[in-house]
Amino acid sequence: MKRLFIPLIAAAIALPGVAAAHSKLLSSSPAADATVTKPTKLTLTFSETFLAPMSGVEIVMTGMPGMADHPPMPIAGFKTSVEGKTMVVTLPRALPTGSYELKWHIVGADQHRMEGGYGFKVK
């Protein structure tokens, strides 16, 4: 029984290390919780290359100055390109003043989907 138990413990300890090997967001522009001036381009850099056709972003305006009950407003019309480990979102025009939520998803070379998001503000 003892001989069977030790390999099971070793396998259980190794599993979290495998999950941690998935790609993660290393940097972004604008950065999380940043306040920026009228961006026309957003950049997300990941730790590993990913499959561009199965990856993307969603941008939602969550607040606008002077509007207490601003409903979430999806931003459309942007183009997404991939350059290695970096996703570049090119907006058709600068984002107006307000608060935004950016949600990303990527599919790594290992076919695992990762997702995340963060908020930022435009002044």
PDB file of N, CA and C in Angstrom:
ATOM      1  N   MET A   1       0.827  -1.204   0.000  1.00  0.00           N
ATOM      2  CA  MET A   1       0.000   0.000   0.000  1.00  0.00           C
ATOM      3  C   MET A   1       0.864   1.258   0.000  1.00  0.00           C
ATOM      4  N   LYS A   2       1.932   1.235   0.804  1.00  0.00           N
ATOM      5  CA  LYS A   2       2.813   2.388   0.902  1.00  0.00           C
ATOM      6  C   LYS A   2       3.461   2.699  -0.455  1.00  0.00           C
ATOM      7  N   ARG A   3       3.825   1.645  -1.207  1.00  0.00           N
ATOM      8  CA  ARG A   3       4.476   1.837  -2.500  1.00  0.00           C
ATOM      9  C   ARG A   3       3.538   2.486  -3.516  1.00  0.00           C
ATOM     10  N   LEU A   4       2.262   2.232  -3.437  1.00  0.00           N
ATOM     11  CA  LEU A   4       1.283   2.835  -4.336  1.00  0.00           C
ATOM     12  C   LEU A   4       0.994   4.276  -3.940  1.00  0.00           C
ATOM     13  N   PHE A   5       1.003   4.559  -2.673  1.00  0.00           N
ATOM     14  CA  PHE A   5       0.664   5.882  -2.145  1.00  0.00           C
ATOM     15  C   PHE A   5       1.702   6.939  -2.534  1.00  0.00           C
ATOM     16  N   ILE A   6       2.965   6.606  -2.490  1.00  0.00           N
ATOM     17  CA  ILE A   6       4.034   7.573  -2.789  1.00  0.00           C
ATOM     18  C   ILE A   6       3.961   8.067  -4.238  1.00  0.00           C
ATOM     19  N   PRO A   7       3.798   7.193  -5.248  1.00  0.00           N
ATOM     20  CA  PRO A   7       3.658   7.707  -6.622  1.00  0.00           C
ATOM     21  C   PRO A   7       2.422   8.587  -6.815  1.00  0.00           C
ATOM     22  N   LEU A   8       1.335   8.271  -6.107  1.00  0.00           N
ATOM     23  CA  LEU A   8       0.135   9.104  -6.219  1.00  0.00           C
ATOM     24  C   LEU A   8       0.380  10.501  -5.676  1.00  0.00           C
ATOM     25  N   ILE A   9       1.087  10.605  -4.568  1.00  0.00           N
ATOM     26  CA  ILE A   9       1.419  11.923  -4.000  1.00  0.00           C
ATOM     27  C   ILE A   9       2.331  12.679  -4.957  1.00  0.00           C
ATOM     28  N   ALA A  10       3.323  12.004  -5.512  1.00  0.00           N
ATOM     29  CA  ALA A  10       4.234  12.662  -6.460  1.00  0.00           C
ATOM     30  C   ALA A  10       3.476  13.186  -7.673  1.00  0.00           C
ATOM     31  N   ALA A  11       2.524  12.420  -8.181  1.00  0.00           N
ATOM     32  CA  ALA A  11       1.734  12.864  -9.338  1.00  0.00           C
ATOM     33  C   ALA A  11       0.865  14.061  -8.972  1.00  0.00           C
ATOM     34  N   ALA A  12       0.273  14.058  -7.797  1.00  0.00           N
ATOM     35  CA  ALA A  12      -0.578  15.174  -7.368  1.00  0.00           C
ATOM     36  C   ALA A  12       0.224  16.454  -7.207  1.00  0.00           C
ATOM     37  N   ILE A  13       1.443  16.337  -6.725  1.00  0.00           N
ATOM     38  CA  ILE A  13       2.300  17.523  -6.563  1.00  0.00           C
ATOM     39  C   ILE A  13       2.718  18.062  -7.923  1.00  0.00           C
ATOM     40  N   ALA A  14       2.954  17.189  -8.891  1.00  0.00           N
ATOM     41  CA  ALA A  14       3.400  17.607 -10.227  1.00  0.00           C
ATOM     42  C   ALA A  14       2.298  18.298 -11.019  1.00  0.00           C
ATOM     43  N   LEU A  15       1.045  17.962 -10.812  1.00  0.00           N
ATOM     44  CA  LEU A  15      -0.054  18.521 -11.602  1.00  0.00           C
ATOM     45  C   LEU A  15      -0.160  20.037 -11.529  1.00  0.00           C
ATOM     46  N   PRO A  16      -0.075  20.677 -10.361  1.00  0.00           N
ATOM     47  CA  PRO A  16      -0.146  22.140 -10.353  1.00  0.00           C
ATOM     48  C   PRO A  16       0.955  22.789 -11.182  1.00  0.00           C
ATOM     49  N   GLY A  17       2.127  22.168 -11.250  1.00  0.00           N
ATOM     50  CA  GLY A  17       3.213  22.705 -12.063  1.00  0.00           C
ATOM     51  C   GLY A  17       2.881  22.671 -13.536  1.00  0.00           C
ATOM     52  N   VAL A  18       2.164  21.650 -13.960  1.00  0.00           N
ATOM     53  CA  VAL A  18       1.758  21.554 -15.362  1.00  0.00           C
ATOM     54  C   VAL A  18       0.760  22.658 -15.686  1.00  0.00           C
ATOM     55  N   ALA A  19      -0.218  22.889 -14.819  1.00  0.00           N
ATOM     56  CA  ALA A  19      -1.221  23.930 -15.063  1.00  0.00           C
ATOM     57  C   ALA A  19      -0.589  25.308 -15.082  1.00  0.00           C
ATOM     58  N   ALA A  20       0.440  25.526 -14.282  1.00  0.00           N
ATOM     59  CA  ALA A  20       1.087  26.829 -14.217  1.00  0.00           C
ATOM     60  C   ALA A  20       1.869  27.144 -15.489  1.00  0.00           C
ATOM     61  N   ALA A  21       2.110  26.139 -16.329  1.00  0.00           N
ATOM     62  CA  ALA A  21       2.890  26.346 -17.545  1.00  0.00           C
ATOM     63  C   ALA A  21       2.089  27.019 -18.644  1.00  0.00           C
ATOM     64  N   HIS A  22       0.787  27.200 -18.472  1.00  0.00           N
ATOM     65  CA  HIS A  22      -0.025  27.857 -19.482  1.00  0.00           C
ATOM     66  C   HIS A  22       0.395  29.315 -19.649  1.00  0.00           C
ATOM     67  N   SER A  23       0.125  29.842 -20.820  1.00  0.00           N
ATOM     68  CA  SER A  23       0.453  31.233 -21.126  1.00  0.00           C
ATOM     69  C   SER A  23      -0.316  32.180 -20.219  1.00  0.00           C
ATOM     70  N   LYS A  24       0.319  33.281 -19.869  1.00  0.00           N
ATOM     71  CA  LYS A  24      -0.350  34.300 -19.054  1.00  0.00           C
ATOM     72  C   LYS A  24       0.006  35.676 -19.586  1.00  0.00           C
ATOM     73  N   LEU A  25      -0.818  36.639 -19.241  1.00  0.00           N
ATOM     74  CA  LEU A  25      -0.596  38.016 -19.669  1.00  0.00           C
ATOM     75  C   LEU A  25       0.599  38.585 -18.903  1.00  0.00           C
ATOM     76  N   LEU A  26       1.618  39.026 -19.640  1.00  0.00           N
ATOM     77  CA  LEU A  26       2.812  39.595 -19.022  1.00  0.00           C
ATOM     78  C   LEU A  26       2.728  41.112 -18.900  1.00  0.00           C
ATOM     79  N   SER A  27       2.190  41.744 -19.943  1.00  0.00           N
ATOM     80  CA  SER A  27       2.083  43.204 -19.921  1.00  0.00           C
ATOM     81  C   SER A  27       0.966  43.652 -20.847  1.00  0.00           C
ATOM     82  N   SER A  28       0.497  44.870 -20.591  1.00  0.00           N
ATOM     83  CA  SER A  28      -0.558  45.424 -21.432  1.00  0.00           C
ATOM     84  C   SER A  28      -0.416  46.935 -21.487  1.00  0.00           C
ATOM     85  N   SER A  29      -0.930  47.487 -22.573  1.00  0.00           N
ATOM     86  CA  SER A  29      -0.951  48.932 -22.729  1.00  0.00           C
ATOM     87  C   SER A  29      -2.295  49.300 -23.335  1.00  0.00           C
ATOM     88  N   PRO A  30      -3.128  50.031 -22.611  1.00  0.00           N
ATOM     89  CA  PRO A  30      -2.893  50.537 -21.273  1.00  0.00           C
ATOM     90  C   PRO A  30      -2.838  49.400 -20.247  1.00  0.00           C
ATOM     91  N   ALA A  31      -2.138  49.670 -19.160  1.00  0.00           N
ATOM     92  CA  ALA A  31      -2.005  48.688 -18.091  1.00  0.00           C
ATOM     93  C   ALA A  31      -3.281  48.628 -17.260  1.00  0.00           C
ATOM     94  N   ALA A  32      -3.417  47.575 -16.482  1.00  0.00           N
ATOM     95  CA  ALA A  32      -4.565  47.425 -15.590  1.00  0.00           C
ATOM     96  C   ALA A  32      -4.625  48.608 -14.630  1.00  0.00           C
ATOM     97  N   ASP A  33      -5.807  49.159 -14.457  1.00  0.00           N
ATOM     98  CA  ASP A  33      -6.090  50.269 -13.542  1.00  0.00           C
ATOM     99  C   ASP A  33      -5.400  51.584 -13.927  1.00  0.00           C
ATOM    100  N   ALA A  34      -4.853  51.667 -15.131  1.00  0.00           N
ATOM    101  CA  ALA A  34      -4.192  52.894 -15.587  1.00  0.00           C
ATOM    102  C   ALA A  34      -5.225  53.915 -16.065  1.00  0.00           C
ATOM    103  N   THR A  35      -4.806  55.169 -16.065  1.00  0.00           N
ATOM    104  CA  THR A  35      -5.586  56.241 -16.676  1.00  0.00           C
ATOM    105  C   THR A  35      -4.748  56.780 -17.824  1.00  0.00           C
ATOM    106  N   VAL A  36      -5.312  56.745 -19.028  1.00  0.00           N
ATOM    107  CA  VAL A  36      -4.578  57.136 -20.229  1.00  0.00           C
ATOM    108  C   VAL A  36      -5.353  58.207 -20.991  1.00  0.00           C
ATOM    109  N   THR A  37      -4.703  58.785 -21.982  1.00  0.00           N
ATOM    110  CA  THR A  37      -5.319  59.813 -22.811  1.00  0.00           C
ATOM    111  C   THR A  37      -5.636  59.249 -24.186  1.00  0.00           C
ATOM    112  N   LYS A  38      -6.910  59.164 -24.513  1.00  0.00           N
ATOM    113  CA  LYS A  38      -7.425  58.832 -25.848  1.00  0.00           C
ATOM    114  C   LYS A  38      -6.601  57.794 -26.630  1.00  0.00           C
ATOM    115  N   PRO A  39      -6.535  56.544 -26.161  1.00  0.00           N
ATOM    116  CA  PRO A  39      -5.753  55.541 -26.894  1.00  0.00           C
ATOM    117  C   PRO A  39      -6.413  55.150 -28.220  1.00  0.00           C
ATOM    118  N   THR A  40      -5.581  54.836 -29.200  1.00  0.00           N
ATOM    119  CA  THR A  40      -6.064  54.332 -30.485  1.00  0.00           C
ATOM    120  C   THR A  40      -5.575  52.904 -30.719  1.00  0.00           C
ATOM    121  N   LYS A  41      -4.728  52.426 -29.800  1.00  0.00           N
ATOM    122  CA  LYS A  41      -4.165  51.090 -29.933  1.00  0.00           C
ATOM    123  C   LYS A  41      -4.012  50.482 -28.537  1.00  0.00           C
ATOM    124  N   LEU A  42      -4.363  49.205 -28.405  1.00  0.00           N
ATOM    125  CA  LEU A  42      -4.190  48.461 -27.159  1.00  0.00           C
ATOM    126  C   LEU A  42      -3.265  47.286 -27.451  1.00  0.00           C
ATOM    127  N   THR A  43      -2.350  46.987 -26.543  1.00  0.00           N
ATOM    128  CA  THR A  43      -1.380  45.926 -26.758  1.00  0.00           C
ATOM    129  C   THR A  43      -1.363  44.980 -25.569  1.00  0.00           C
ATOM    130  N   LEU A  44      -1.451  43.686 -25.841  1.00  0.00           N
ATOM    131  CA  LEU A  44      -1.404  42.648 -24.809  1.00  0.00           C
ATOM    132  C   LEU A  44      -0.263  41.688 -25.157  1.00  0.00           C
ATOM    133  N   THR A  45       0.675  41.497 -24.241  1.00  0.00           N
ATOM    134  CA  THR A  45       1.808  40.606 -24.474  1.00  0.00           C
ATOM    135  C   THR A  45       1.720  39.424 -23.514  1.00  0.00           C
ATOM    136  N   PHE A  46       1.791  38.222 -24.080  1.00  0.00           N
ATOM    137  CA  PHE A  46       1.646  36.986 -23.324  1.00  0.00           C
ATOM    138  C   PHE A  46       2.982  36.256 -23.202  1.00  0.00           C
ATOM    139  N   SER A  47       3.041  35.301 -22.291  1.00  0.00           N
ATOM    140  CA  SER A  47       4.282  34.576 -22.031  1.00  0.00           C
ATOM    141  C   SER A  47       4.614  33.550 -23.110  1.00  0.00           C
ATOM    142  N   GLU A  48       3.632  33.157 -23.915  1.00  0.00           N
ATOM    143  CA  GLU A  48       3.857  32.167 -24.969  1.00  0.00           C
ATOM    144  C   GLU A  48       3.068  32.552 -26.217  1.00  0.00           C
ATOM    145  N   THR A  49       3.454  31.984 -27.342  1.00  0.00           N
ATOM    146  CA  THR A  49       2.677  32.223 -28.561  1.00  0.00           C
ATOM    147  C   THR A  49       1.308  31.557 -28.417  1.00  0.00           C
ATOM    148  N   PHE A  50       0.342  32.032 -29.188  1.00  0.00           N
ATOM    149  CA  PHE A  50      -1.017  31.520 -29.106  1.00  0.00           C
ATOM    150  C   PHE A  50      -1.618  31.464 -30.496  1.00  0.00           C
ATOM    151  N   LEU A  51      -2.749  30.778 -30.614  1.00  0.00           N
ATOM    152  CA  LEU A  51      -3.411  30.602 -31.902  1.00  0.00           C
ATOM    153  C   LEU A  51      -4.306  31.808 -32.181  1.00  0.00           C
ATOM    154  N   ALA A  52      -3.906  32.642 -33.096  1.00  0.00           N
ATOM    155  CA  ALA A  52      -4.612  33.889 -33.387  1.00  0.00           C
ATOM    156  C   ALA A  52      -6.075  33.702 -33.791  1.00  0.00           C
ATOM    157  N   PRO A  53      -6.407  32.738 -34.656  1.00  0.00           N
ATOM    158  CA  PRO A  53      -7.816  32.619 -35.077  1.00  0.00           C
ATOM    159  C   PRO A  53      -8.784  32.290 -33.943  1.00  0.00           C
ATOM    160  N   MET A  54      -8.274  31.735 -32.851  1.00  0.00           N
ATOM    161  CA  MET A  54      -9.143  31.349 -31.736  1.00  0.00           C
ATOM    162  C   MET A  54      -8.957  32.256 -30.523  1.00  0.00           C
ATOM    163  N   SER A  55      -8.349  33.418 -30.731  1.00  0.00           N
ATOM    164  CA  SER A  55      -8.056  34.333 -29.633  1.00  0.00           C
ATOM    165  C   SER A  55      -8.635  35.703 -29.947  1.00  0.00           C
ATOM    166  N   GLY A  56      -8.918  36.493 -28.917  1.00  0.00           N
ATOM    167  CA  GLY A  56      -9.474  37.817 -29.167  1.00  0.00           C
ATOM    168  C   GLY A  56      -9.737  38.600 -27.898  1.00  0.00           C
ATOM    169  N   VAL A  57     -10.343  39.768 -28.072  1.00  0.00           N
ATOM    170  CA  VAL A  57     -10.668  40.646 -26.952  1.00  0.00           C
ATOM    171  C   VAL A  57     -12.088  41.175 -27.093  1.00  0.00           C
ATOM    172  N   GLU A  58     -12.611  41.635 -25.972  1.00  0.00           N
ATOM    173  CA  GLU A  58     -13.894  42.320 -25.915  1.00  0.00           C
ATOM    174  C   GLU A  58     -13.650  43.578 -25.089  1.00  0.00           C
ATOM    175  N   ILE A  59     -14.102  44.714 -25.579  1.00  0.00           N
ATOM    176  CA  ILE A  59     -13.929  45.983 -24.875  1.00  0.00           C
ATOM    177  C   ILE A  59     -15.310  46.565 -24.604  1.00  0.00           C
ATOM    178  N   VAL A  60     -15.547  46.932 -23.346  1.00  0.00           N
ATOM    179  CA  VAL A  60     -16.848  47.474 -22.963  1.00  0.00           C
ATOM    180  C   VAL A  60     -16.629  48.766 -22.181  1.00  0.00           C
ATOM    181  N   MET A  61     -17.329  49.829 -22.597  1.00  0.00           N
ATOM    182  CA  MET A  61     -17.318  51.071 -21.826  1.00  0.00           C
ATOM    183  C   MET A  61     -18.280  50.863 -20.664  1.00  0.00           C
ATOM    184  N   THR A  62     -17.770  51.016 -19.436  1.00  0.00           N
ATOM    185  CA  THR A  62     -18.593  50.743 -18.253  1.00  0.00           C
ATOM    186  C   THR A  62     -19.045  52.008 -17.534  1.00  0.00           C
ATOM    187  N   GLY A  63     -18.482  53.131 -17.894  1.00  0.00           N
ATOM    188  CA  GLY A  63     -18.889  54.382 -17.252  1.00  0.00           C
ATOM    189  C   GLY A  63     -18.452  55.582 -18.059  1.00  0.00           C
ATOM    190  N   MET A  64     -19.269  56.655 -17.979  1.00  0.00           N
ATOM    191  CA  MET A  64     -18.954  57.887 -18.690  1.00  0.00           C
ATOM    192  C   MET A  64     -19.159  59.046 -17.724  1.00  0.00           C
ATOM    193  N   PRO A  65     -18.225  60.002 -17.676  1.00  0.00           N
ATOM    194  CA  PRO A  65     -18.388  61.130 -16.765  1.00  0.00           C
ATOM    195  C   PRO A  65     -19.715  61.851 -17.004  1.00  0.00           C
ATOM    196  N   GLY A  66     -20.404  62.183 -15.916  1.00  0.00           N
ATOM    197  CA  GLY A  66     -21.665  62.899 -16.013  1.00  0.00           C
ATOM    198  C   GLY A  66     -22.883  62.018 -16.202  1.00  0.00           C
ATOM    199  N   MET A  67     -22.679  60.711 -16.334  1.00  0.00           N
ATOM    200  CA  MET A  67     -23.793  59.774 -16.490  1.00  0.00           C
ATOM    201  C   MET A  67     -23.722  58.740 -15.370  1.00  0.00           C
ATOM    202  N   ALA A  68     -24.519  58.932 -14.327  1.00  0.00           N
ATOM    203  CA  ALA A  68     -24.470  58.057 -13.159  1.00  0.00           C
ATOM    204  C   ALA A  68     -24.862  56.621 -13.485  1.00  0.00           C
ATOM    205  N   ASP A  69     -25.817  56.431 -14.356  1.00  0.00           N
ATOM    206  CA  ASP A  69     -26.304  55.084 -14.665  1.00  0.00           C
ATOM    207  C   ASP A  69     -25.965  54.670 -16.091  1.00  0.00           C
ATOM    208  N   HIS A  70     -24.730  54.871 -16.493  1.00  0.00           N
ATOM    209  CA  HIS A  70     -24.301  54.532 -17.844  1.00  0.00           C
ATOM    210  C   HIS A  70     -24.371  53.016 -18.035  1.00  0.00           C
ATOM    211  N   PRO A  71     -25.163  52.543 -18.990  1.00  0.00           N
ATOM    212  CA  PRO A  71     -25.206  51.087 -19.222  1.00  0.00           C
ATOM    213  C   PRO A  71     -23.923  50.623 -19.918  1.00  0.00           C
ATOM    214  N   PRO A  72     -23.512  49.376 -19.721  1.00  0.00           N
ATOM    215  CA  PRO A  72     -22.337  48.867 -20.428  1.00  0.00           C
ATOM    216  C   PRO A  72     -22.537  48.987 -21.938  1.00  0.00           C
ATOM    217  N   MET A  73     -21.515  49.475 -22.624  1.00  0.00           N
ATOM    218  CA  MET A  73     -21.605  49.700 -24.062  1.00  0.00           C
ATOM    219  C   MET A  73     -20.430  49.001 -24.758  1.00  0.00           C
ATOM    220  N   PRO A  74     -20.683  47.921 -25.492  1.00  0.00           N
ATOM    221  CA  PRO A  74     -19.592  47.241 -26.207  1.00  0.00           C
ATOM    222  C   PRO A  74     -18.965  48.160 -27.254  1.00  0.00           C
ATOM    223  N   ILE A  75     -17.662  48.072 -27.382  1.00  0.00           N
ATOM    224  CA  ILE A  75     -16.928  48.822 -28.397  1.00  0.00           C
ATOM    225  C   ILE A  75     -16.722  47.886 -29.583  1.00  0.00           C
ATOM    226  N   ALA A  76     -17.070  48.344 -30.764  1.00  0.00           N
ATOM    227  CA  ALA A  76     -16.971  47.517 -31.973  1.00  0.00           C
ATOM    228  C   ALA A  76     -16.108  48.220 -33.014  1.00  0.00           C
ATOM    229  N   GLY A  77     -15.797  47.506 -34.072  1.00  0.00           N
ATOM    230  CA  GLY A  77     -15.087  48.092 -35.209  1.00  0.00           C
ATOM    231  C   GLY A  77     -13.581  48.073 -35.094  1.00  0.00           C
ATOM    232  N   PHE A  78     -13.042  47.392 -34.067  1.00  0.00           N
ATOM    233  CA  PHE A  78     -11.585  47.356 -33.954  1.00  0.00           C
ATOM    234  C   PHE A  78     -11.036  46.154 -34.696  1.00  0.00           C
ATOM    235  N   LYS A  79      -9.742  46.210 -35.010  1.00  0.00           N
ATOM    236  CA  LYS A  79      -9.054  45.115 -35.691  1.00  0.00           C
ATOM    237  C   LYS A  79      -8.026  44.533 -34.734  1.00  0.00           C
ATOM    238  N   THR A  80      -7.887  43.228 -34.765  1.00  0.00           N
ATOM    239  CA  THR A  80      -6.929  42.545 -33.900  1.00  0.00           C
ATOM    240  C   THR A  80      -5.887  41.858 -34.756  1.00  0.00           C
ATOM    241  N   SER A  81      -4.630  42.071 -34.438  1.00  0.00           N
ATOM    242  CA  SER A  81      -3.558  41.378 -35.137  1.00  0.00           C
ATOM    243  C   SER A  81      -2.648  40.720 -34.103  1.00  0.00           C
ATOM    244  N   VAL A  82      -1.925  39.700 -34.551  1.00  0.00           N
ATOM    245  CA  VAL A  82      -1.035  38.980 -33.656  1.00  0.00           C
ATOM    246  C   VAL A  82       0.369  39.023 -34.225  1.00  0.00           C
ATOM    247  N   GLU A  83       1.296  39.370 -33.362  1.00  0.00           N
ATOM    248  CA  GLU A  83       2.712  39.416 -33.732  1.00  0.00           C
ATOM    249  C   GLU A  83       3.471  38.574 -32.720  1.00  0.00           C
ATOM    250  N   GLY A  84       3.571  37.274 -32.972  1.00  0.00           N
ATOM    251  CA  GLY A  84       4.251  36.374 -32.041  1.00  0.00           C
ATOM    252  C   GLY A  84       3.440  36.161 -30.780  1.00  0.00           C
ATOM    253  N   LYS A  85       3.915  36.734 -29.675  1.00  0.00           N
ATOM    254  CA  LYS A  85       3.255  36.593 -28.383  1.00  0.00           C
ATOM    255  C   LYS A  85       2.406  37.815 -28.045  1.00  0.00           C
ATOM    256  N   THR A  86       2.276  38.745 -28.989  1.00  0.00           N
ATOM    257  CA  THR A  86       1.605  40.016 -28.726  1.00  0.00           C
ATOM    258  C   THR A  86       0.357  40.171 -29.574  1.00  0.00           C
ATOM    259  N   MET A  87      -0.720  40.598 -28.922  1.00  0.00           N
ATOM    260  CA  MET A  87      -1.972  40.901 -29.605  1.00  0.00           C
ATOM    261  C   MET A  87      -2.100  42.423 -29.635  1.00  0.00           C
ATOM    262  N   VAL A  88      -2.336  42.973 -30.824  1.00  0.00           N
ATOM    263  CA  VAL A  88      -2.484  44.414 -30.992  1.00  0.00           C
ATOM    264  C   VAL A  88      -3.906  44.701 -31.461  1.00  0.00           C
ATOM    265  N   VAL A  89      -4.596  45.550 -30.709  1.00  0.00           N
ATOM    266  CA  VAL A  89      -5.955  45.946 -31.040  1.00  0.00           C
ATOM    267  C   VAL A  89      -5.888  47.370 -31.578  1.00  0.00           C
ATOM    268  N   THR A  90      -6.271  47.570 -32.831  1.00  0.00           N
ATOM    269  CA  THR A  90      -6.260  48.889 -33.448  1.00  0.00           C
ATOM    270  C   THR A  90      -7.695  49.393 -33.523  1.00  0.00           C
ATOM    271  N   LEU A  91      -7.934  50.508 -32.869  1.00  0.00           N
ATOM    272  CA  LEU A  91      -9.279  51.094 -32.813  1.00  0.00           C
ATOM    273  C   LEU A  91      -9.507  52.012 -34.000  1.00  0.00           C
ATOM    274  N   PRO A  92     -10.743  52.103 -34.504  1.00  0.00           N
ATOM    275  CA  PRO A  92     -11.014  52.978 -35.647  1.00  0.00           C
ATOM    276  C   PRO A  92     -10.872  54.457 -35.288  1.00  0.00           C
ATOM    277  N   ARG A  93     -11.032  54.787 -34.012  1.00  0.00           N
ATOM    278  CA  ARG A  93     -10.844  56.156 -33.507  1.00  0.00           C
ATOM    279  C   ARG A  93     -10.514  56.056 -32.021  1.00  0.00           C
ATOM    280  N   ALA A  94     -10.000  57.113 -31.466  1.00  0.00           N
ATOM    281  CA  ALA A  94      -9.613  57.121 -30.049  1.00  0.00           C
ATOM    282  C   ALA A  94     -10.815  56.845 -29.149  1.00  0.00           C
ATOM    283  N   LEU A  95     -10.573  56.101 -28.067  1.00  0.00           N
ATOM    284  CA  LEU A  95     -11.648  55.848 -27.107  1.00  0.00           C
ATOM    285  C   LEU A  95     -12.010  57.148 -26.394  1.00  0.00           C
ATOM    286  N   PRO A  96     -13.296  57.434 -26.229  1.00  0.00           N
ATOM    287  CA  PRO A  96     -13.703  58.646 -25.517  1.00  0.00           C
ATOM    288  C   PRO A  96     -13.493  58.512 -24.010  1.00  0.00           C
ATOM    289  N   THR A  97     -13.549  59.624 -23.329  1.00  0.00           N
ATOM    290  CA  THR A  97     -13.384  59.666 -21.877  1.00  0.00           C
ATOM    291  C   THR A  97     -14.385  58.740 -21.208  1.00  0.00           C
ATOM    292  N   GLY A  98     -13.894  57.925 -20.278  1.00  0.00           N
ATOM    293  CA  GLY A  98     -14.753  57.004 -19.544  1.00  0.00           C
ATOM    294  C   GLY A  98     -13.958  55.871 -18.936  1.00  0.00           C
ATOM    295  N   SER A  99     -14.665  54.917 -18.361  1.00  0.00           N
ATOM    296  CA  SER A  99     -14.014  53.728 -17.801  1.00  0.00           C
ATOM    297  C   SER A  99     -14.341  52.536 -18.692  1.00  0.00           C
ATOM    298  N   TYR A 100     -13.384  51.609 -18.782  1.00  0.00           N
ATOM    299  CA  TYR A 100     -13.486  50.480 -19.696  1.00  0.00           C
ATOM    300  C   TYR A 100     -13.099  49.183 -19.009  1.00  0.00           C
ATOM    301  N   GLU A 101     -13.675  48.121 -19.501  1.00  0.00           N
ATOM    302  CA  GLU A 101     -13.329  46.774 -19.080  1.00  0.00           C
ATOM    303  C   GLU A 101     -12.872  46.037 -20.332  1.00  0.00           C
ATOM    304  N   LEU A 102     -11.682  45.466 -20.277  1.00  0.00           N
ATOM    305  CA  LEU A 102     -11.142  44.699 -21.395  1.00  0.00           C
ATOM    306  C   LEU A 102     -11.085  43.236 -20.960  1.00  0.00           C
ATOM    307  N   LYS A 103     -11.680  42.358 -21.750  1.00  0.00           N
ATOM    308  CA  LYS A 103     -11.631  40.915 -21.482  1.00  0.00           C
ATOM    309  C   LYS A 103     -10.911  40.260 -22.649  1.00  0.00           C
ATOM    310  N   TRP A 104      -9.940  39.413 -22.347  1.00  0.00           N
ATOM    311  CA  TRP A 104      -9.190  38.729 -23.389  1.00  0.00           C
ATOM    312  C   TRP A 104      -9.346  37.219 -23.233  1.00  0.00           C
ATOM    313  N   HIS A 105      -9.155  36.528 -24.346  1.00  0.00           N
ATOM    314  CA  HIS A 105      -9.067  35.070 -24.332  1.00  0.00           C
ATOM    315  C   HIS A 105      -8.069  34.651 -25.402  1.00  0.00           C
ATOM    316  N   ILE A 106      -7.270  33.666 -25.059  1.00  0.00           N
ATOM    317  CA  ILE A 106      -6.315  33.123 -26.023  1.00  0.00           C
ATOM    318  C   ILE A 106      -6.360  31.604 -25.938  1.00  0.00           C
ATOM    319  N   VAL A 107      -5.975  30.965 -27.021  1.00  0.00           N
ATOM    320  CA  VAL A 107      -5.830  29.517 -27.053  1.00  0.00           C
ATOM    321  C   VAL A 107      -4.365  29.253 -27.354  1.00  0.00           C
ATOM    322  N   GLY A 108      -3.705  28.619 -26.394  1.00  0.00           N
ATOM    323  CA  GLY A 108      -2.281  28.343 -26.534  1.00  0.00           C
ATOM    324  C   GLY A 108      -2.008  27.216 -27.510  1.00  0.00           C
ATOM    325  N   ALA A 109      -0.738  27.031 -27.802  1.00  0.00           N
ATOM    326  CA  ALA A 109      -0.328  25.961 -28.712  1.00  0.00           C
ATOM    327  C   ALA A 109      -0.729  24.595 -28.170  1.00  0.00           C
ATOM    328  N   ASP A 110      -0.920  24.492 -26.841  1.00  0.00           N
ATOM    329  CA  ASP A 110      -1.335  23.223 -26.233  1.00  0.00           C
ATOM    330  C   ASP A 110      -2.854  23.032 -26.277  1.00  0.00           C
ATOM    331  N   GLN A 111      -3.564  23.931 -26.980  1.00  0.00           N
ATOM    332  CA  GLN A 111      -5.021  23.892 -27.175  1.00  0.00           C
ATOM    333  C   GLN A 111      -5.825  24.272 -25.937  1.00  0.00           C
ATOM    334  N   HIS A 112      -5.171  24.790 -24.891  1.00  0.00           N
ATOM    335  CA  HIS A 112      -5.906  25.219 -23.702  1.00  0.00           C
ATOM    336  C   HIS A 112      -6.303  26.684 -23.835  1.00  0.00           C
ATOM    337  N   ARG A 113      -7.540  26.975 -23.459  1.00  0.00           N
ATOM    338  CA  ARG A 113      -8.048  28.345 -23.503  1.00  0.00           C
ATOM    339  C   ARG A 113      -7.765  29.018 -22.153  1.00  0.00           C
ATOM    340  N   MET A 114      -7.200  30.201 -22.213  1.00  0.00           N
ATOM    341  CA  MET A 114      -6.966  31.012 -21.029  1.00  0.00           C
ATOM    342  C   MET A 114      -7.721  32.327 -21.244  1.00  0.00           C
ATOM    343  N   GLU A 115      -8.192  32.903 -20.165  1.00  0.00           N
ATOM    344  CA  GLU A 115      -8.900  34.177 -20.279  1.00  0.00           C
ATOM    345  C   GLU A 115      -8.651  35.019 -19.055  1.00  0.00           C
ATOM    346  N   GLY A 116      -8.860  36.287 -19.222  1.00  0.00           N
ATOM    347  CA  GLY A 116      -8.674  37.229 -18.128  1.00  0.00           C
ATOM    348  C   GLY A 116      -9.205  38.589 -18.542  1.00  0.00           C
ATOM    349  N   GLY A 117      -8.958  39.552 -17.720  1.00  0.00           N
ATOM    350  CA  GLY A 117      -9.422  40.893 -18.042  1.00  0.00           C
ATOM    351  C   GLY A 117      -8.954  41.890 -17.009  1.00  0.00           C
ATOM    352  N   TYR A 118      -9.189  43.146 -17.309  1.00  0.00           N
ATOM    353  CA  TYR A 118      -8.828  44.222 -16.402  1.00  0.00           C
ATOM    354  C   TYR A 118      -9.555  45.499 -16.816  1.00  0.00           C
ATOM    355  N   GLY A 119      -9.540  46.470 -15.941  1.00  0.00           N
ATOM    356  CA  GLY A 119     -10.156  47.745 -16.230  1.00  0.00           C
ATOM    357  C   GLY A 119      -9.118  48.845 -16.403  1.00  0.00           C
ATOM    358  N   PHE A 120      -9.495  49.894 -17.115  1.00  0.00           N
ATOM    359  CA  PHE A 120      -8.674  51.098 -17.257  1.00  0.00           C
ATOM    360  C   PHE A 120      -9.583  52.276 -17.530  1.00  0.00           C
ATOM    361  N   LYS A 121      -9.016  53.486 -17.425  1.00  0.00           N
ATOM    362  CA  LYS A 121      -9.801  54.700 -17.646  1.00  0.00           C
ATOM    363  C   LYS A 121      -9.160  55.563 -18.708  1.00  0.00           C
ATOM    364  N   VAL A 122      -9.996  56.302 -19.410  1.00  0.00           N
ATOM    365  CA  VAL A 122      -9.535  57.269 -20.403  1.00  0.00           C
ATOM    366  C   VAL A 122      -9.958  58.636 -19.921  1.00  0.00           C
ATOM    367  N   LYS A 123      -8.984  59.569 -19.897  1.00  0.00           N
ATOM    368  CA  LYS A 123      -9.314  60.936 -19.455  1.00  0.00           C
ATOM    369  C   LYS A 123      -9.438  61.888 -20.614  1.00  0.00           C
TER     370      LYS A 123
END
